[in-house]
Protein backbone atom coordinates (compact mmCIF):
# COMPACT_ATOMS: atom_id res chain seq x y z
CA MET A 1 12.55 13.98 -7.76
CA SER A 2 13.52 16.01 -4.53
CA SER A 3 13.50 14.10 -1.23
CA VAL A 4 10.99 16.80 0.14
CA ALA A 5 8.43 16.05 -2.59
CA ARG A 6 5.08 15.39 -1.38
CA THR A 7 3.41 12.10 -2.20
CA SER A 8 1.01 13.65 -4.76
CA ASP A 9 4.09 15.23 -6.62
CA VAL A 10 5.57 11.72 -6.97
CA LEU A 11 2.48 10.27 -8.38
CA THR A 12 2.22 13.16 -10.66
CA VAL A 13 5.69 12.44 -12.01
CA LEU A 14 5.12 8.74 -12.36
CA ALA A 15 1.89 9.30 -14.36
CA ALA A 16 3.72 11.84 -16.58
CA GLN A 17 6.54 9.29 -17.69
CA GLU A 18 6.75 8.92 -21.61
CA ASN A 19 6.92 5.16 -21.70
CA ASP A 20 3.59 3.11 -22.37
CA ARG A 21 4.57 0.80 -19.50
CA LEU A 22 6.41 1.31 -16.27
CA THR A 23 8.55 -1.19 -14.75
CA VAL A 24 8.86 -1.65 -10.96
CA GLY A 25 12.48 -0.70 -11.35
CA ASP A 26 11.40 2.62 -12.84
CA ILE A 27 8.83 3.15 -9.89
CA VAL A 28 11.43 2.66 -7.27
CA ALA A 29 13.98 4.80 -9.00
CA VAL A 30 11.53 7.71 -8.83
CA LEU A 31 10.87 7.10 -5.13
CA ARG A 32 14.55 7.10 -4.23
CA ASP A 33 15.53 7.83 -0.62
CA ARG A 34 11.94 7.50 0.60
CA ALA A 35 11.14 4.27 -1.24
CA PHE A 36 9.77 2.28 1.55
CA ALA A 37 7.04 4.74 2.50
CA LEU A 38 6.05 5.72 -0.96
CA LEU A 39 6.17 2.34 -2.13
CA ILE A 40 3.58 1.33 0.62
CA VAL A 41 1.35 4.37 -0.71
CA ILE A 42 1.76 2.94 -4.41
CA LEU A 43 0.78 -0.52 -3.50
CA GLY A 44 -2.11 0.48 -1.50
CA LEU A 45 -3.33 2.95 -4.17
CA PRO A 46 -4.89 0.42 -6.72
CA ASN A 47 -6.75 -1.34 -4.25
CA CYS A 48 -8.71 1.86 -3.15
CA LEU A 49 -10.55 1.16 -6.54
CA PRO A 50 -12.64 -2.08 -7.25
CA MET A 51 -10.02 -4.23 -9.03
CA PRO A 52 -10.03 -7.60 -10.50
CA PRO A 53 -7.79 -10.25 -9.58
CA PRO A 54 -4.68 -10.78 -9.66
CA ILE A 55 -4.09 -7.29 -8.78
CA PRO A 56 -4.98 -7.38 -4.95
CA LEU A 57 -2.92 -10.77 -4.89
CA VAL A 58 0.11 -9.04 -6.55
CA CYS A 59 -0.02 -5.97 -4.44
CA GLY A 60 -0.41 -8.00 -1.40
CA LEU A 61 2.73 -10.25 -1.99
CA LEU A 62 4.80 -7.06 -2.86
CA LEU A 63 3.64 -5.29 0.38
CA LEU A 64 4.44 -8.70 1.99
CA MET A 65 8.01 -8.63 0.99
CA VAL A 66 8.19 -4.85 1.95
CA ALA A 67 6.67 -5.60 5.29
CA VAL A 68 9.26 -8.20 6.01
CA GLN A 69 12.12 -5.91 5.40
CA ILE A 70 10.70 -3.03 7.35
CA THR A 71 10.30 -5.54 10.22
CA ALA A 72 13.90 -6.61 9.93
CA GLY A 73 15.12 -3.14 10.18
CA MET A 74 16.40 -2.70 6.47
CA ALA A 75 17.13 0.96 5.54
CA ALA A 76 15.91 0.56 1.87
CA PRO A 77 13.73 -2.04 -0.01
CA TRP A 78 15.39 -4.82 -1.92
CA LEU A 79 13.38 -6.54 -4.61
CA PRO A 80 14.43 -9.30 -6.78
CA ARG A 81 15.80 -8.34 -10.33
CA ALA A 82 13.12 -10.50 -12.09
CA LEU A 83 10.38 -8.33 -10.14
CA LEU A 84 12.05 -5.10 -10.93
CA ARG A 85 11.72 -6.06 -14.71
CA ARG A 86 7.76 -6.42 -14.32
CA SER A 87 5.84 -3.68 -15.65
CA VAL A 88 2.39 -2.04 -15.55
CA ALA A 89 0.65 -0.02 -17.98
CA ARG A 90 1.27 3.74 -17.69
CA SER A 91 -2.36 4.44 -18.43
CA ASP A 92 -3.23 2.32 -15.41
CA VAL A 93 -0.93 4.51 -13.13
CA GLU A 94 -2.25 7.57 -14.55
CA ARG A 95 -5.92 6.69 -13.99
CA ALA A 96 -5.24 5.79 -10.23
CA ALA A 97 -3.04 9.10 -10.04
CA ASN A 98 -5.78 11.30 -11.41
CA ARG A 99 -8.29 9.93 -8.87
CA ALA A 100 -5.83 9.96 -5.92
CA VAL A 101 -3.98 13.27 -6.40
CA PRO A 102 -6.80 15.76 -5.61
CA LEU A 103 -7.54 13.82 -2.26
CA LEU A 104 -3.92 13.59 -1.35
CA ARG A 105 -3.41 17.17 -1.67
CA ARG A 106 -6.15 18.02 0.62
CA LEU A 107 -4.92 15.56 3.11
CA GLU A 108 -1.17 16.84 2.68
CA ARG A 109 -2.52 20.27 3.61
CA TRP A 110 -4.24 19.12 6.76
CA SER A 111 -1.01 16.66 7.65
CA GLN A 112 1.83 17.81 9.68
CA PRO A 113 4.63 16.11 11.81
CA ARG A 114 3.09 14.81 15.06
CA MET A 115 3.11 11.56 17.14
CA ARG A 116 6.60 10.94 15.75
CA LEU A 117 6.83 7.37 17.56
CA PHE A 118 6.65 5.66 14.29
CA GLU A 119 10.06 7.44 13.24
CA THR A 120 12.05 5.19 15.79
CA ALA A 121 13.59 1.95 14.81
CA LEU A 122 11.03 0.08 17.09
CA GLY A 123 8.13 2.18 15.79
CA MET A 124 9.14 1.29 12.21
CA ARG A 125 9.42 -2.46 13.12
CA VAL A 126 5.67 -2.21 14.71
CA VAL A 127 4.62 -0.73 11.52
CA GLY A 128 6.33 -3.54 9.62
CA LEU A 129 4.27 -6.18 11.66
CA ILE A 130 0.93 -4.21 10.87
CA LEU A 131 1.68 -4.07 7.46
CA LEU A 132 2.38 -7.79 7.32
CA THR A 133 -0.91 -8.45 8.66
CA LEU A 134 -2.76 -6.17 5.83
CA SER A 135 -0.58 -7.64 3.32
CA LEU A 136 -1.84 -11.21 4.37
CA ALA A 137 -5.54 -9.93 4.33
CA LEU A 138 -5.10 -8.25 0.93
CA ILE A 139 -3.91 -11.58 -0.45
CA VAL A 140 -7.04 -13.23 0.70
CA ALA A 141 -9.38 -10.30 0.19
CA ALA A 142 -12.94 -10.66 -1.23
CA PRO A 143 -13.01 -10.09 -4.80
CA LEU A 144 -13.52 -6.64 -6.03
CA VAL A 145 -14.55 -4.57 -3.00
CA GLY A 146 -12.90 -6.58 -0.05
CA GLN A 147 -9.58 -4.93 -0.71
CA ILE A 148 -11.07 -1.22 -0.81
CA PRO A 149 -10.75 -0.77 3.02
CA LEU A 150 -7.38 -2.45 3.13
CA GLY A 151 -6.06 -0.33 0.09
CA ILE A 152 -7.22 2.88 2.01
CA ALA A 153 -5.63 1.77 5.23
CA ILE A 154 -2.18 0.81 3.56
CA CYS A 155 -2.25 4.29 1.64
CA LEU A 156 -2.83 6.10 4.76
CA VAL A 157 -0.03 4.11 6.74
CA GLY A 158 2.43 4.93 3.74
CA LEU A 159 1.10 8.73 3.73
CA GLY A 160 1.49 9.02 7.36
CA LEU A 161 5.12 7.75 7.28
CA VAL A 162 5.94 10.08 4.15
CA GLU A 163 4.48 13.33 6.16
CA ARG A 164 5.95 12.16 9.46
CA ASP A 165 2.42 12.18 10.88
CA GLY A 166 1.74 9.52 13.47
CA LEU A 167 -1.95 10.51 13.74
CA VAL A 168 -2.57 9.65 9.93
CA VAL A 169 -0.73 6.18 10.62
CA VAL A 170 -3.12 5.53 13.56
CA ILE A 171 -6.17 6.32 11.55
CA GLY A 172 -4.78 3.97 8.73
CA LEU A 173 -4.44 1.29 11.19
CA GLY A 174 -8.02 1.82 12.64
CA VAL A 175 -9.42 1.38 8.86
CA GLY A 176 -7.09 -1.67 8.36
CA VAL A 177 -8.58 -3.32 11.44
CA LEU A 178 -12.18 -2.72 9.87
CA GLY A 179 -10.86 -4.22 6.84
CA VAL A 180 -9.38 -7.39 8.32
CA MET A 181 -12.48 -7.94 10.16
CA LEU A 182 -14.53 -7.56 6.99
CA ASN A 183 -12.23 -9.90 5.11
CA ALA A 184 -12.10 -12.43 7.96
CA GLY A 185 -15.91 -12.71 7.87
CA PHE A 186 -15.71 -13.24 4.03
CA VAL A 187 -13.24 -16.09 4.55
CA TYR A 188 -15.34 -17.72 7.65
CA ALA A 189 -18.38 -17.47 5.27
CA ILE A 190 -16.66 -19.29 2.52
CA VAL A 191 -15.29 -21.91 4.87
CA SER A 192 -18.64 -22.57 6.47
CA GLY A 193 -20.24 -22.92 3.06
CA ILE A 194 -17.81 -25.49 2.02
CA MET A 195 -18.12 -27.45 5.41
CA SER A 196 -22.07 -27.12 5.16
CA LEU A 197 -21.80 -28.35 1.51
CA PHE A 198 -19.98 -31.55 2.42
CA ASN A 199 -21.82 -32.03 5.63
CA LEU A 200 -18.58 -31.61 7.67
């Protein structure tokens, strides 16, 4: 996979793998030198659709690990060997890719390098902190629908980093704020319901 390949091309390659299941290690190997940015897109992608537990939780935990490493200034992602051996069904990857690739290709035609403040070391650390917040929100997201705005936000941030388009990153952050607020309201409603139940 060439380092200049677009995100849609990477997803197409992943969906075309011959194995019935893809390990996390297989996915990272395809991503190569842009693993951080493309890994962000791939972790956000399943959450753009209504997904049952524990998919948002798993994606949120993985994104949390990635966000901590970006914030720490690491050049490439490190994942535990046990995690690299974990796998997902290739059919699930193919289903997500088939829905995402047409949209990604339209966005890629519009996207261009601009507002490149996120390419600096400080800018990437800021992105890491923002992704940290989104990953925590994803972990506690409302079932089935609460993760959708967060997934879209995460995908946009990752895609903006891949395309070196700061405007797409900023749009992703705006969607992320809405997603965090939505899920904060969900958590507040649950806590308030429990407190009312026990007359606290």
